[in-house]
Amino acid sequence: MGLDDKIKNAAQDLAGKAKETVGKVTDNEKLEAEGRAEQAKANVKKAGENVKDALN
C-alpha cells in the first residue's frame, strides 16, 4: 500500500468519525449514518490494500 493511499484512507476514516460524532451531537441520524458509511468505505479500502500488500 502506498503512503498516499494510507493517508487518503486515514483521512476518509477521520472524516467519517467526525460526521458520525456531529450527527450524534446534533441528533441528525442522516449525518450519523453518512459518517458510518464513510468509515466502512475506508475500512474496505484498507482491507483491499492489505491483501495487495500480502500478495507482493
C-alpha atoms as a PDB file:
ATOM      1  CA  MET A   1       0.000   0.000   0.000  1.00  0.00           C
ATOM      2  CA  GLY A   2       1.415   3.336  -0.964  1.00  0.00           C
ATOM      3  CA  LEU A   3       1.799   6.049   1.618  1.00  0.00           C
ATOM      4  CA  ASP A   4      -0.545   8.248  -0.402  1.00  0.00           C
ATOM      5  CA  ASP A   5      -3.306   5.612  -0.218  1.00  0.00           C
ATOM      6  CA  LYS A   6      -2.786   5.169   3.517  1.00  0.00           C
ATOM      7  CA  ILE A   7      -3.132   8.897   4.073  1.00  0.00           C
ATOM      8  CA  LYS A   8      -6.287   9.101   1.942  1.00  0.00           C
ATOM      9  CA  ASN A   9      -7.864   6.148   3.763  1.00  0.00           C
ATOM     10  CA  ALA A  10      -6.995   7.595   7.171  1.00  0.00           C
ATOM     11  CA  ALA A  11      -8.436  10.965   6.153  1.00  0.00           C
ATOM     12  CA  GLN A  12     -11.657   9.344   4.953  1.00  0.00           C
ATOM     13  CA  ASP A  13     -11.916   7.375   8.198  1.00  0.00           C
ATOM     14  CA  LEU A  14     -11.381  10.508  10.306  1.00  0.00           C
ATOM     15  CA  ALA A  15     -13.903  12.468   8.258  1.00  0.00           C
ATOM     16  CA  GLY A  16     -16.415   9.686   8.788  1.00  0.00           C
ATOM     17  CA  LYS A  17     -15.800   9.659  12.528  1.00  0.00           C
ATOM     18  CA  ALA A  18     -16.245  13.428  12.645  1.00  0.00           C
ATOM     19  CA  LYS A  19     -19.516  13.243  10.704  1.00  0.00           C
ATOM     20  CA  GLU A  20     -20.788  10.467  12.939  1.00  0.00           C
ATOM     21  CA  THR A  21     -19.928  12.456  16.065  1.00  0.00           C
ATOM     22  CA  VAL A  22     -21.541  15.652  14.770  1.00  0.00           C
ATOM     23  CA  GLY A  23     -24.608  13.628  13.814  1.00  0.00           C
ATOM     24  CA  LYS A  24     -24.863  12.198  17.315  1.00  0.00           C
ATOM     25  CA  VAL A  25     -24.423  15.588  18.970  1.00  0.00           C
ATOM     26  CA  THR A  26     -26.963  17.306  16.729  1.00  0.00           C
ATOM     27  CA  ASP A  27     -29.329  14.332  16.746  1.00  0.00           C
ATOM     28  CA  ASN A  28     -29.020  14.122  12.945  1.00  0.00           C
ATOM     29  CA  GLU A  29     -29.438  10.446  12.076  1.00  0.00           C
ATOM     30  CA  LYS A  30     -28.698  11.009   8.384  1.00  0.00           C
ATOM     31  CA  LEU A  31     -25.328  12.641   9.095  1.00  0.00           C
ATOM     32  CA  GLU A  32     -24.505   9.938  11.624  1.00  0.00           C
ATOM     33  CA  ALA A  33     -25.259   7.241   9.034  1.00  0.00           C
ATOM     34  CA  GLU A  34     -23.160   9.032   6.408  1.00  0.00           C
ATOM     35  CA  GLY A  35     -20.251   9.065   8.833  1.00  0.00           C
ATOM     36  CA  ARG A  36     -20.551   5.352   9.497  1.00  0.00           C
ATOM     37  CA  ALA A  37     -20.738   4.709   5.741  1.00  0.00           C
ATOM     38  CA  GLU A  38     -17.564   6.711   5.107  1.00  0.00           C
ATOM     39  CA  GLN A  39     -15.766   4.750   7.801  1.00  0.00           C
ATOM     40  CA  ALA A  40     -16.935   1.489   6.273  1.00  0.00           C
ATOM     41  CA  LYS A  41     -15.669   2.549   2.836  1.00  0.00           C
ATOM     42  CA  ALA A  42     -12.289   3.441   4.305  1.00  0.00           C
ATOM     43  CA  ASN A  43     -12.104   0.075   6.055  1.00  0.00           C
ATOM     44  CA  VAL A  44     -12.914  -1.792   2.832  1.00  0.00           C
ATOM     45  CA  LYS A  45     -10.182   0.127   1.015  1.00  0.00           C
ATOM     46  CA  LYS A  46      -7.706  -0.644   3.798  1.00  0.00           C
ATOM     47  CA  ALA A  47      -8.563  -4.334   3.636  1.00  0.00           C
ATOM     48  CA  GLY A  48      -8.116  -4.405  -0.136  1.00  0.00           C
ATOM     49  CA  GLU A  49      -4.749  -2.707   0.107  1.00  0.00           C
ATOM     50  CA  ASN A  50      -3.678  -5.126   2.844  1.00  0.00           C
ATOM     51  CA  VAL A  51      -4.489  -8.047   0.545  1.00  0.00           C
ATOM     52  CA  LYS A  52      -2.418  -6.437  -2.226  1.00  0.00           C
ATOM     53  CA  ASP A  53       0.481  -5.968   0.202  1.00  0.00           C
ATOM     54  CA  ALA A  54       0.264  -9.589   1.344  1.00  0.00           C
ATOM     55  CA  LEU A  55       0.462 -10.829  -2.240  1.00  0.00           C
ATOM     56  CA  ASN A  56       3.578  -8.803  -3.006  1.00  0.00           C
END
